[in-house]
Amino acid sequence: MAALSTIGVMVLILFQILSEGLPILRLHFFIESPRSMGREGGIFSTIIGTVALTFVAILFATPLGVGTAIFLREYTRESKVSRLIRFGTDCLAGVPSIIFGLFGFVFFVIYLNMGWSILSGGLTLSVMVLPTIICTSEEAIKAIPYSFREVSYSLGGTKWQTVTRAVLPNALPGIFTGIILGVGRSIGETAAVILTAGSSLVLPTSFFSPIRTMAVHFYILAREGISMEMAYGTGTALIILVLFINIIASGLLNRYIRKRT
């Protein structure tokens, strides 16, 4: 009953946002940058900021997360080191996003003198999504039968050849799922982004430029009562963006699976 109630509330929220926001979506809404603090114009600069921030986060988190999963499953046995890594991963998964934001603000923005920028926000988000990528990648690698490895070894394959040519290609769907989950969390994050990437409405010119993501734009418009009309339009565009990414990712994943089979 509790699960059904939660689903019902989510459906009502989505219906409210979409019903109010769909009439706002016009071509100029997507190709114009916000004006007058977001009361006018569109969301072009926030779309660019969202894409750039997510790109940086996944760029850093994916190799580190997948590499950690490979190390835990293929290159080490159960030991104090592996238990310590898993404990750290579990701890990171339970840390509130605002704590990540404070860490990113102190370390990246102030200590490393990166300022409020795409790079500071992306690195902070990469730490946030790292546990998701590690856990899903490790489970995907774990699910590959050991017989795959035995065949590779019997044909003279090295450890690295076995991992890269027998294990990873078959574990890719599960790994890809973890990456998509990381993308979804990066796109929807607000607290950590405000503290590390800022909330500038100016179109970014480099990775050291401050930006405002769509989620932050939606939050500020609604929270400060600047324009509920533009807030609903931004929320609807955000929902459509996440849905579009999932559809594209699902299509690419299904195509890869069909080729492998």
Protein backbone atom coordinates (compact mmCIF):
# COMPACT_ATOMS: atom_id res chain seq x y z
CA MET A 1 0.00 0.00 0.00
CA ALA A 2 2.82 2.40 0.87
CA ALA A 3 4.51 1.71 -2.46
CA LEU A 4 1.27 2.29 -4.36
CA SER A 5 0.68 5.55 -2.48
CA THR A 6 4.21 6.72 -3.35
CA ILE A 7 3.71 5.87 -7.02
CA GLY A 8 0.36 7.67 -6.99
CA VAL A 9 1.90 10.83 -5.53
CA MET A 10 4.72 10.73 -8.10
CA VAL A 11 2.22 10.35 -10.95
CA LEU A 12 0.22 13.32 -9.66
CA ILE A 13 3.35 15.47 -9.40
CA LEU A 14 4.42 14.54 -12.93
CA PHE A 15 0.93 15.20 -14.26
CA GLN A 16 0.85 18.63 -12.60
CA ILE A 17 4.27 19.63 -13.95
CA LEU A 18 3.57 18.34 -17.47
CA SER A 19 0.09 19.85 -17.70
CA GLU A 20 1.43 23.27 -16.68
CA GLY A 21 4.73 23.06 -18.51
CA LEU A 22 3.93 21.58 -21.93
CA PRO A 23 2.16 24.75 -23.19
CA ILE A 24 5.36 26.71 -22.39
CA LEU A 25 7.58 24.56 -24.59
CA ARG A 26 8.17 26.45 -27.82
CA LEU A 27 11.26 26.65 -30.02
CA HIS A 28 12.35 29.99 -28.57
CA PHE A 29 12.16 28.49 -25.07
CA PHE A 30 15.00 26.12 -25.96
CA ILE A 31 17.21 28.42 -28.06
CA GLU A 32 17.11 31.59 -25.95
CA SER A 33 19.03 32.16 -22.73
CA PRO A 34 17.18 33.31 -19.59
CA ARG A 35 16.63 37.03 -19.13
CA SER A 36 15.50 39.14 -16.20
CA MET A 37 16.60 36.48 -13.66
CA GLY A 38 14.65 33.84 -15.55
CA ARG A 39 11.32 35.61 -15.89
CA GLU A 40 11.79 35.90 -19.64
CA GLY A 41 13.68 34.19 -22.45
CA GLY A 42 14.37 30.47 -22.42
CA ILE A 43 16.68 27.87 -20.93
CA PHE A 44 19.44 27.48 -23.52
CA SER A 45 22.32 28.35 -21.17
CA THR A 46 20.97 25.98 -18.50
CA ILE A 47 20.77 23.14 -21.03
CA ILE A 48 24.42 23.72 -21.99
CA GLY A 49 25.37 23.88 -18.30
CA THR A 50 23.53 20.66 -17.51
CA VAL A 51 25.13 18.76 -20.40
CA ALA A 52 28.63 20.08 -19.66
CA LEU A 53 28.41 19.32 -15.93
CA THR A 54 27.09 15.80 -16.51
CA PHE A 55 29.77 15.15 -19.14
CA VAL A 56 32.57 16.10 -16.73
CA ALA A 57 31.07 14.03 -13.91
CA ILE A 58 30.73 10.86 -16.01
CA LEU A 59 34.10 11.43 -17.70
CA PHE A 60 35.89 11.19 -14.36
CA ALA A 61 33.60 8.74 -12.54
CA THR A 62 33.32 6.03 -15.23
CA PRO A 63 36.97 4.94 -15.58
CA LEU A 64 37.56 5.19 -11.83
CA GLY A 65 34.37 3.32 -10.95
CA VAL A 66 34.75 0.56 -13.54
CA GLY A 67 38.46 0.24 -12.75
CA THR A 68 37.69 -0.17 -9.05
CA ALA A 69 35.08 -2.84 -9.83
CA ILE A 70 37.56 -4.73 -12.04
CA PHE A 71 40.18 -4.58 -9.29
CA LEU A 72 37.78 -5.85 -6.64
CA ARG A 73 36.44 -8.76 -8.73
CA GLU A 74 39.41 -9.79 -10.87
CA TYR A 75 42.67 -8.68 -9.30
CA THR A 76 42.25 -9.18 -5.58
CA ARG A 77 40.75 -11.68 -3.20
CA GLU A 78 38.70 -10.86 -0.14
CA SER A 79 41.10 -8.99 2.14
CA LYS A 80 41.34 -5.99 4.40
CA VAL A 81 41.97 -3.78 1.40
CA SER A 82 38.90 -4.97 -0.52
CA ARG A 83 36.72 -4.76 2.59
CA LEU A 84 37.99 -1.23 3.25
CA ILE A 85 37.16 -0.18 -0.34
CA ARG A 86 33.66 -1.66 -0.10
CA PHE A 87 33.12 -0.02 3.28
CA GLY A 88 34.18 3.33 1.85
CA THR A 89 31.87 2.85 -1.13
CA ASP A 90 28.92 2.06 1.14
CA CYS A 91 29.68 5.12 3.26
CA LEU A 92 29.82 7.37 0.20
CA ALA A 93 26.48 6.00 -1.01
CA GLY A 94 24.82 7.09 2.24
CA VAL A 95 26.26 10.61 2.46
CA PRO A 96 23.70 13.41 1.86
CA SER A 97 24.27 15.48 -1.25
CA ILE A 98 24.70 18.70 0.73
CA ILE A 99 27.77 17.17 2.42
CA PHE A 100 29.27 16.44 -1.00
CA GLY A 101 28.52 20.05 -1.88
CA LEU A 102 30.33 21.34 1.19
CA PHE A 103 33.29 19.06 0.45
CA GLY A 104 33.43 20.26 -3.16
CA PHE A 105 33.14 23.89 -2.07
CA VAL A 106 35.99 23.61 0.44
CA PHE A 107 38.29 21.37 -1.62
CA PHE A 108 37.71 22.23 -5.28
CA VAL A 109 36.34 25.76 -5.14
CA ILE A 110 38.53 27.18 -2.36
CA TYR A 111 41.54 24.92 -1.71
CA LEU A 112 42.32 24.10 -5.37
CA ASN A 113 41.20 27.61 -6.38
CA MET A 114 38.94 26.38 -9.19
CA GLY A 115 36.16 28.74 -8.18
CA TRP A 116 32.50 28.13 -8.97
CA SER A 117 32.89 26.33 -12.27
CA ILE A 118 31.85 23.40 -14.41
CA LEU A 119 35.02 21.58 -13.39
CA SER A 120 34.41 22.01 -9.65
CA GLY A 121 30.79 20.89 -9.96
CA GLY A 122 31.64 17.99 -12.29
CA LEU A 123 34.36 16.64 -10.00
CA THR A 124 32.02 16.87 -7.02
CA LEU A 125 29.26 15.02 -8.89
CA SER A 126 31.76 12.38 -10.02
CA VAL A 127 32.42 11.55 -6.36
CA MET A 128 28.66 11.38 -5.75
CA VAL A 129 27.93 8.93 -8.58
CA LEU A 130 31.05 6.84 -7.99
CA PRO A 131 29.40 4.37 -5.54
CA THR A 132 26.58 3.68 -8.01
CA ILE A 133 28.98 2.91 -10.86
CA ILE A 134 31.25 0.78 -8.65
CA CYS A 135 28.40 -1.34 -7.23
CA THR A 136 26.59 -1.92 -10.52
CA SER A 137 29.83 -2.64 -12.39
CA GLU A 138 31.00 -5.08 -9.74
CA GLU A 139 27.70 -6.96 -9.79
CA ALA A 140 27.77 -7.06 -13.60
CA ILE A 141 31.30 -8.50 -13.61
CA LYS A 142 30.40 -10.93 -10.83
CA ALA A 143 27.49 -12.27 -12.90
CA ILE A 144 29.78 -13.42 -15.74
CA PRO A 145 30.27 -17.22 -15.43
CA TYR A 146 33.77 -18.35 -14.51
CA SER A 147 33.73 -20.65 -17.53
CA PHE A 148 34.30 -17.59 -19.72
CA ARG A 149 37.56 -16.98 -17.92
CA GLU A 150 38.58 -20.63 -18.05
CA VAL A 151 38.14 -20.74 -21.83
CA SER A 152 40.25 -17.61 -22.22
CA TYR A 153 43.02 -19.00 -20.02
CA SER A 154 42.97 -22.35 -21.82
CA LEU A 155 43.55 -20.52 -25.12
CA GLY A 156 46.61 -18.82 -23.68
CA GLY A 157 45.02 -15.50 -22.81
CA THR A 158 46.62 -13.33 -20.15
CA LYS A 159 44.74 -11.89 -17.20
CA TRP A 160 44.34 -8.54 -18.93
CA GLN A 161 43.21 -10.14 -22.20
CA THR A 162 40.68 -12.23 -20.31
CA VAL A 163 39.25 -9.19 -18.53
CA THR A 164 39.12 -6.91 -21.58
CA ARG A 165 38.00 -9.47 -24.21
CA ALA A 166 35.92 -12.02 -22.30
CA VAL A 167 34.61 -10.42 -19.12
CA LEU A 168 34.01 -6.73 -19.85
CA PRO A 169 32.21 -7.13 -23.22
CA ASN A 170 29.66 -9.45 -21.59
CA ALA A 171 29.35 -7.27 -18.47
CA LEU A 172 28.90 -4.07 -20.50
CA PRO A 173 25.05 -3.95 -20.27
CA GLY A 174 25.20 -3.92 -16.46
CA ILE A 175 28.03 -1.41 -16.43
CA PHE A 176 26.14 0.80 -18.88
CA THR A 177 23.10 0.70 -16.58
CA GLY A 178 25.19 2.05 -13.71
CA ILE A 179 26.51 4.85 -15.89
CA ILE A 180 22.97 5.84 -16.92
CA LEU A 181 21.92 5.91 -13.26
CA GLY A 182 24.87 8.20 -12.61
CA VAL A 183 23.80 10.47 -15.46
CA GLY A 184 20.30 10.67 -14.03
CA ARG A 185 21.56 11.64 -10.61
CA SER A 186 23.93 14.24 -12.04
CA ILE A 187 21.18 15.88 -14.08
CA GLY A 188 18.77 16.09 -11.14
CA GLU A 189 21.20 17.29 -8.45
CA THR A 190 20.77 20.77 -6.98
CA ALA A 191 22.37 21.30 -3.54
CA ALA A 192 25.88 20.17 -4.46
CA VAL A 193 25.74 22.00 -7.80
CA ILE A 194 24.80 25.37 -6.28
CA LEU A 195 27.76 25.18 -3.89
CA THR A 196 30.33 24.16 -6.50
CA ALA A 197 29.18 25.28 -9.95
CA GLY A 198 27.28 28.40 -8.90
CA SER A 199 24.06 29.61 -10.50
CA SER A 200 25.15 31.94 -13.28
CA LEU A 201 22.74 32.43 -16.17
CA VAL A 202 25.56 33.46 -18.53
CA LEU A 203 26.44 31.00 -21.29
CA PRO A 204 29.66 29.19 -20.24
CA THR A 205 32.79 29.73 -22.33
CA SER A 206 35.11 27.17 -20.68
CA PHE A 207 35.18 24.46 -18.03
CA PHE A 208 36.18 27.14 -15.51
CA SER A 209 32.99 29.14 -16.09
CA PRO A 210 30.18 29.12 -13.52
CA ILE A 211 26.88 27.72 -14.77
CA ARG A 212 23.30 27.04 -13.76
CA THR A 213 21.81 23.64 -14.48
CA MET A 214 18.18 23.01 -15.38
CA ALA A 215 17.47 21.47 -11.97
CA VAL A 216 18.95 24.47 -10.16
CA HIS A 217 17.08 26.85 -12.47
CA PHE A 218 13.81 25.06 -11.73
CA TYR A 219 14.49 25.18 -7.99
CA ILE A 220 15.40 28.88 -7.92
CA LEU A 221 12.44 29.94 -10.06
CA ALA A 222 9.99 28.01 -7.88
CA ARG A 223 11.63 28.61 -4.49
CA GLU A 224 11.99 32.37 -4.89
CA GLY A 225 8.70 32.79 -6.71
CA ILE A 226 10.35 34.43 -9.71
CA SER A 227 8.12 32.78 -12.31
CA MET A 228 6.12 29.61 -11.76
CA GLU A 229 5.29 29.55 -15.46
CA MET A 230 8.97 29.34 -16.41
CA ALA A 231 9.58 26.92 -13.56
CA TYR A 232 6.97 24.49 -14.89
CA GLY A 233 8.42 24.84 -18.38
CA THR A 234 11.92 24.09 -17.08
CA GLY A 235 10.67 21.11 -15.07
CA THR A 236 8.89 19.68 -18.09
CA ALA A 237 11.99 20.14 -20.27
CA LEU A 238 14.06 18.40 -17.59
CA ILE A 239 11.70 15.42 -17.51
CA ILE A 240 11.78 15.19 -21.31
CA LEU A 241 15.61 15.38 -21.32
CA VAL A 242 15.94 12.52 -18.82
CA LEU A 243 13.38 10.45 -20.74
CA PHE A 244 15.19 11.14 -24.02
CA ILE A 245 18.55 10.08 -22.57
CA ASN A 246 17.05 6.84 -21.22
CA ILE A 247 15.38 6.03 -24.55
CA ILE A 248 18.61 6.62 -26.50
CA ALA A 249 20.64 4.62 -23.96
CA SER A 250 18.13 1.76 -24.03
CA GLY A 251 18.22 1.69 -27.83
CA LEU A 252 22.02 1.59 -27.94
CA LEU A 253 22.11 -1.09 -25.26
CA ASN A 254 19.58 -3.29 -27.06
CA ARG A 255 21.49 -2.91 -30.32
CA TYR A 256 24.71 -3.95 -28.57
CA ILE A 257 23.02 -7.01 -27.02
CA ARG A 258 21.60 -8.08 -30.39
CA LYS A 259 25.05 -7.81 -31.99
CA ARG A 260 26.59 -9.88 -29.19
CA THR A 261 23.97 -12.60 -29.61
